[in-house]
Amino acid sequence: MSADHGPAPMQKRSFIDPHNIVYATIILLISLDVLQYRDDEQGGVTLPEFLFLTIGPLVMVAVAHSFAGAIEIQVRQRRRLTGADFRHLGVTVLQYASVAVIPSLLAIGFTAAGQKTIIAASITEILGLISLLLWGYYAGWASGRGQFGRIGNALLYGFVGLVIILLELTVSH
C-alpha cells in the first residue's frame, strides 16, 4: 500500500476516542433540537436551562455507558474492576462531557453580550455537522482510503448525522 492509501499507523490510547466523541456529538445535536423547540414554545431559554439541557444528557449517557462498561468487565472478563478500569470509565465521562464545552462557552458569551442564548444552539448545530463531516474524512484517511474515498466517507458521515437529526425532529415534533 502506498503512503497515501495505506491505513494510518495505530496510536497509543489517547483522550480522544472517536466512538465516544461522535456518539456524544449526535446526542448533543439532538439535545440542541430539543432546546430550540423549547425556545420556540416558551419564547426563550435561560442560560441555566441551556447548560442543563446540553451538559445533562451527555453526562447521563456517559454515566450509563460507564456503568454498562463496568458490568461488561465483570461479566465478560470475570474479574473485579481495577484502578485502571475506573480511570478509563472516568475518562469516558469526560469525553462525553467535553463535547458540551463549545456550546456552553458560546451560550455564556451570548448571554454576557445581551444576546439570545439560543443563538449558541444554531451555531453549535452547524459546527456539529461539520465535525461529523471531518470525522468521516478522518475515518476514511485512517482506514487507508484515497482522497475521493475520504470525501465520500465524509459526506456519508455528515448525511447520517443529518438523517439522525431529522428523525429526531420528526419524532419530537
Protein backbone atom coordinates (compact mmCIF):
# COMPACT_ATOMS: atom_id res chain seq x y z
CA MET A 1 0.00 0.00 0.00
CA SER A 2 1.22 3.47 -0.75
CA ALA A 3 1.61 6.07 1.95
CA ASP A 4 -1.45 7.91 0.60
CA HIS A 5 -3.69 4.84 0.59
CA GLY A 6 -2.42 2.74 3.46
CA PRO A 7 -4.09 2.74 6.83
CA ALA A 8 -2.79 5.15 9.41
CA PRO A 9 -0.45 3.67 12.00
CA MET A 10 -2.15 2.70 15.26
CA GLN A 11 -1.73 5.23 18.02
CA LYS A 12 -1.48 4.65 21.74
CA ARG A 13 -4.66 5.27 23.69
CA SER A 14 -5.42 8.94 23.86
CA PHE A 15 -8.07 11.10 25.46
CA ILE A 16 -9.85 11.37 22.12
CA ASP A 17 -11.93 8.27 21.48
CA PRO A 18 -13.75 8.74 18.14
CA HIS A 19 -16.59 6.42 19.18
CA ASN A 20 -17.39 8.42 22.31
CA ILE A 21 -16.89 11.85 20.74
CA VAL A 22 -19.03 11.12 17.66
CA TYR A 23 -21.74 9.50 19.77
CA ALA A 24 -21.71 12.46 22.17
CA THR A 25 -21.86 14.89 19.24
CA ILE A 26 -25.01 13.23 17.94
CA ILE A 27 -26.57 13.30 21.42
CA LEU A 28 -25.64 16.97 21.70
CA LEU A 29 -27.20 17.78 18.32
CA ILE A 30 -30.43 16.11 19.39
CA SER A 31 -30.36 18.00 22.70
CA LEU A 32 -29.92 21.25 20.80
CA ASP A 33 -33.01 20.46 18.75
CA VAL A 34 -34.94 19.95 21.99
CA LEU A 35 -33.61 23.30 23.22
CA GLN A 36 -34.69 25.06 20.04
CA TYR A 37 -38.13 23.50 20.30
CA ARG A 38 -38.31 24.64 23.92
CA ASP A 39 -37.22 28.13 22.87
CA ASP A 40 -39.99 28.25 20.25
CA GLU A 41 -42.62 27.03 22.70
CA GLN A 42 -41.61 29.16 25.70
CA GLY A 43 -40.28 32.22 23.93
CA GLY A 44 -36.75 31.83 25.24
CA VAL A 45 -34.25 29.65 27.02
CA THR A 46 -32.26 30.80 30.03
CA LEU A 47 -28.56 30.14 30.39
CA PRO A 48 -29.09 27.61 33.21
CA GLU A 49 -31.66 25.75 31.07
CA PHE A 50 -29.26 25.78 28.13
CA LEU A 51 -26.39 24.41 30.21
CA PHE A 52 -28.55 21.80 31.93
CA LEU A 53 -30.09 20.57 28.67
CA THR A 54 -26.76 20.36 26.84
CA ILE A 55 -24.49 19.00 29.57
CA GLY A 56 -27.11 16.88 31.37
CA PRO A 57 -27.94 14.38 28.60
CA LEU A 58 -24.26 13.93 27.78
CA VAL A 59 -23.34 13.19 31.38
CA MET A 60 -26.33 10.87 31.81
CA VAL A 61 -25.41 8.84 28.73
CA ALA A 62 -21.74 8.83 29.72
CA VAL A 63 -22.50 7.54 33.20
CA ALA A 64 -24.86 4.92 31.73
CA HIS A 65 -22.14 3.93 29.24
CA SER A 66 -19.55 3.68 32.01
CA PHE A 67 -21.94 1.72 34.23
CA ALA A 68 -22.58 -0.75 31.40
CA GLY A 69 -18.82 -0.88 30.76
CA ALA A 70 -18.19 -1.78 34.40
CA ILE A 71 -20.76 -4.55 34.25
CA GLU A 72 -19.29 -5.80 30.97
CA ILE A 73 -15.81 -6.06 32.51
CA GLN A 74 -17.14 -8.01 35.47
CA VAL A 75 -19.41 -10.31 33.48
CA ARG A 76 -17.46 -10.93 30.27
CA GLN A 77 -13.96 -10.77 31.67
CA ARG A 78 -15.00 -12.30 35.00
CA ARG A 79 -12.81 -10.04 37.07
CA ARG A 80 -13.02 -7.20 39.54
CA LEU A 81 -12.61 -3.61 38.42
CA THR A 82 -9.10 -2.20 38.78
CA GLY A 83 -7.96 1.35 39.27
CA ALA A 84 -7.13 1.49 35.57
CA ASP A 85 -10.71 0.42 34.76
CA PHE A 86 -12.13 3.19 36.95
CA ARG A 87 -9.81 5.75 35.35
CA HIS A 88 -10.85 4.61 31.87
CA LEU A 89 -14.54 4.82 32.80
CA GLY A 90 -13.95 8.30 34.26
CA VAL A 91 -12.21 9.43 31.08
CA THR A 92 -15.23 8.19 29.14
CA VAL A 93 -17.48 10.51 31.15
CA LEU A 94 -15.09 13.41 30.49
CA GLN A 95 -15.04 12.64 26.76
CA TYR A 96 -18.83 12.84 26.55
CA ALA A 97 -18.99 15.99 28.67
CA SER A 98 -16.19 17.66 26.69
CA VAL A 99 -18.47 17.93 23.67
CA ALA A 100 -20.60 20.42 25.64
CA VAL A 101 -17.69 22.83 26.19
CA ILE A 102 -18.06 24.82 22.95
CA PRO A 103 -21.85 25.30 23.11
CA SER A 104 -21.60 26.18 26.80
CA LEU A 105 -18.92 28.81 26.15
CA LEU A 106 -20.93 30.19 23.22
CA ALA A 107 -24.08 30.38 25.34
CA ILE A 108 -22.23 32.13 28.17
CA GLY A 109 -20.70 34.56 25.67
CA PHE A 110 -24.02 35.37 24.01
CA THR A 111 -25.71 35.81 27.37
CA ALA A 112 -22.92 38.12 28.57
CA ALA A 113 -23.28 40.14 25.35
CA GLY A 114 -27.02 40.53 25.96
CA GLN A 115 -27.95 38.27 23.05
CA LYS A 116 -30.33 35.33 22.99
CA THR A 117 -28.74 32.21 24.44
CA ILE A 118 -30.36 30.01 21.79
CA ILE A 119 -28.07 31.50 19.10
CA ALA A 120 -25.41 29.21 20.54
CA ALA A 121 -27.57 26.19 19.65
CA SER A 122 -27.83 27.20 16.00
CA ILE A 123 -24.10 27.79 15.70
CA THR A 124 -23.31 24.55 17.51
CA GLU A 125 -25.58 22.53 15.23
CA ILE A 126 -23.64 23.77 12.21
CA LEU A 127 -20.33 23.08 13.96
CA GLY A 128 -21.59 19.63 14.98
CA LEU A 129 -22.48 18.67 11.42
CA ILE A 130 -19.11 19.98 10.23
CA SER A 131 -17.39 17.89 12.91
CA LEU A 132 -19.22 14.77 11.68
CA LEU A 133 -18.01 15.50 8.15
CA LEU A 134 -14.46 15.89 9.48
CA TRP A 135 -14.70 12.66 11.48
CA GLY A 136 -15.86 10.92 8.31
CA TYR A 137 -12.90 12.29 6.40
CA TYR A 138 -10.55 11.27 9.21
CA ALA A 139 -12.06 7.77 9.32
CA GLY A 140 -11.51 7.47 5.57
CA TRP A 141 -7.89 8.53 6.00
CA ALA A 142 -7.34 6.23 8.98
CA SER A 143 -8.73 3.27 7.03
CA GLY A 144 -6.44 3.91 4.07
CA ARG A 145 -8.93 5.31 1.58
CA GLY A 146 -7.81 7.60 -1.23
CA GLN A 147 -8.83 11.25 -1.50
CA PHE A 148 -12.17 10.53 -3.20
CA GLY A 149 -12.92 7.76 -0.71
CA ARG A 150 -12.19 10.13 2.16
CA ILE A 151 -14.51 12.78 0.75
CA GLY A 152 -17.18 10.14 0.14
CA ASN A 153 -16.74 8.92 3.69
CA ALA A 154 -17.05 12.50 4.99
CA LEU A 155 -20.25 13.09 3.04
CA LEU A 156 -21.68 9.78 4.26
CA TYR A 157 -20.94 10.62 7.92
CA GLY A 158 -22.43 14.09 7.52
CA PHE A 159 -25.52 12.65 5.80
CA VAL A 160 -26.03 10.02 8.52
CA GLY A 161 -25.74 12.72 11.20
CA LEU A 162 -28.29 14.85 9.34
CA VAL A 163 -30.67 11.89 8.99
CA ILE A 164 -30.43 11.19 12.73
CA ILE A 165 -31.26 14.83 13.49
CA LEU A 166 -34.17 14.84 11.04
CA LEU A 167 -35.54 11.59 12.52
CA GLU A 168 -35.35 13.11 16.00
CA LEU A 169 -37.16 16.24 14.78
CA THR A 170 -39.86 14.09 13.21
CA VAL A 171 -40.34 12.07 16.39
CA SER A 172 -40.27 15.02 18.81
CA HIS A 173 -42.39 17.48 16.89
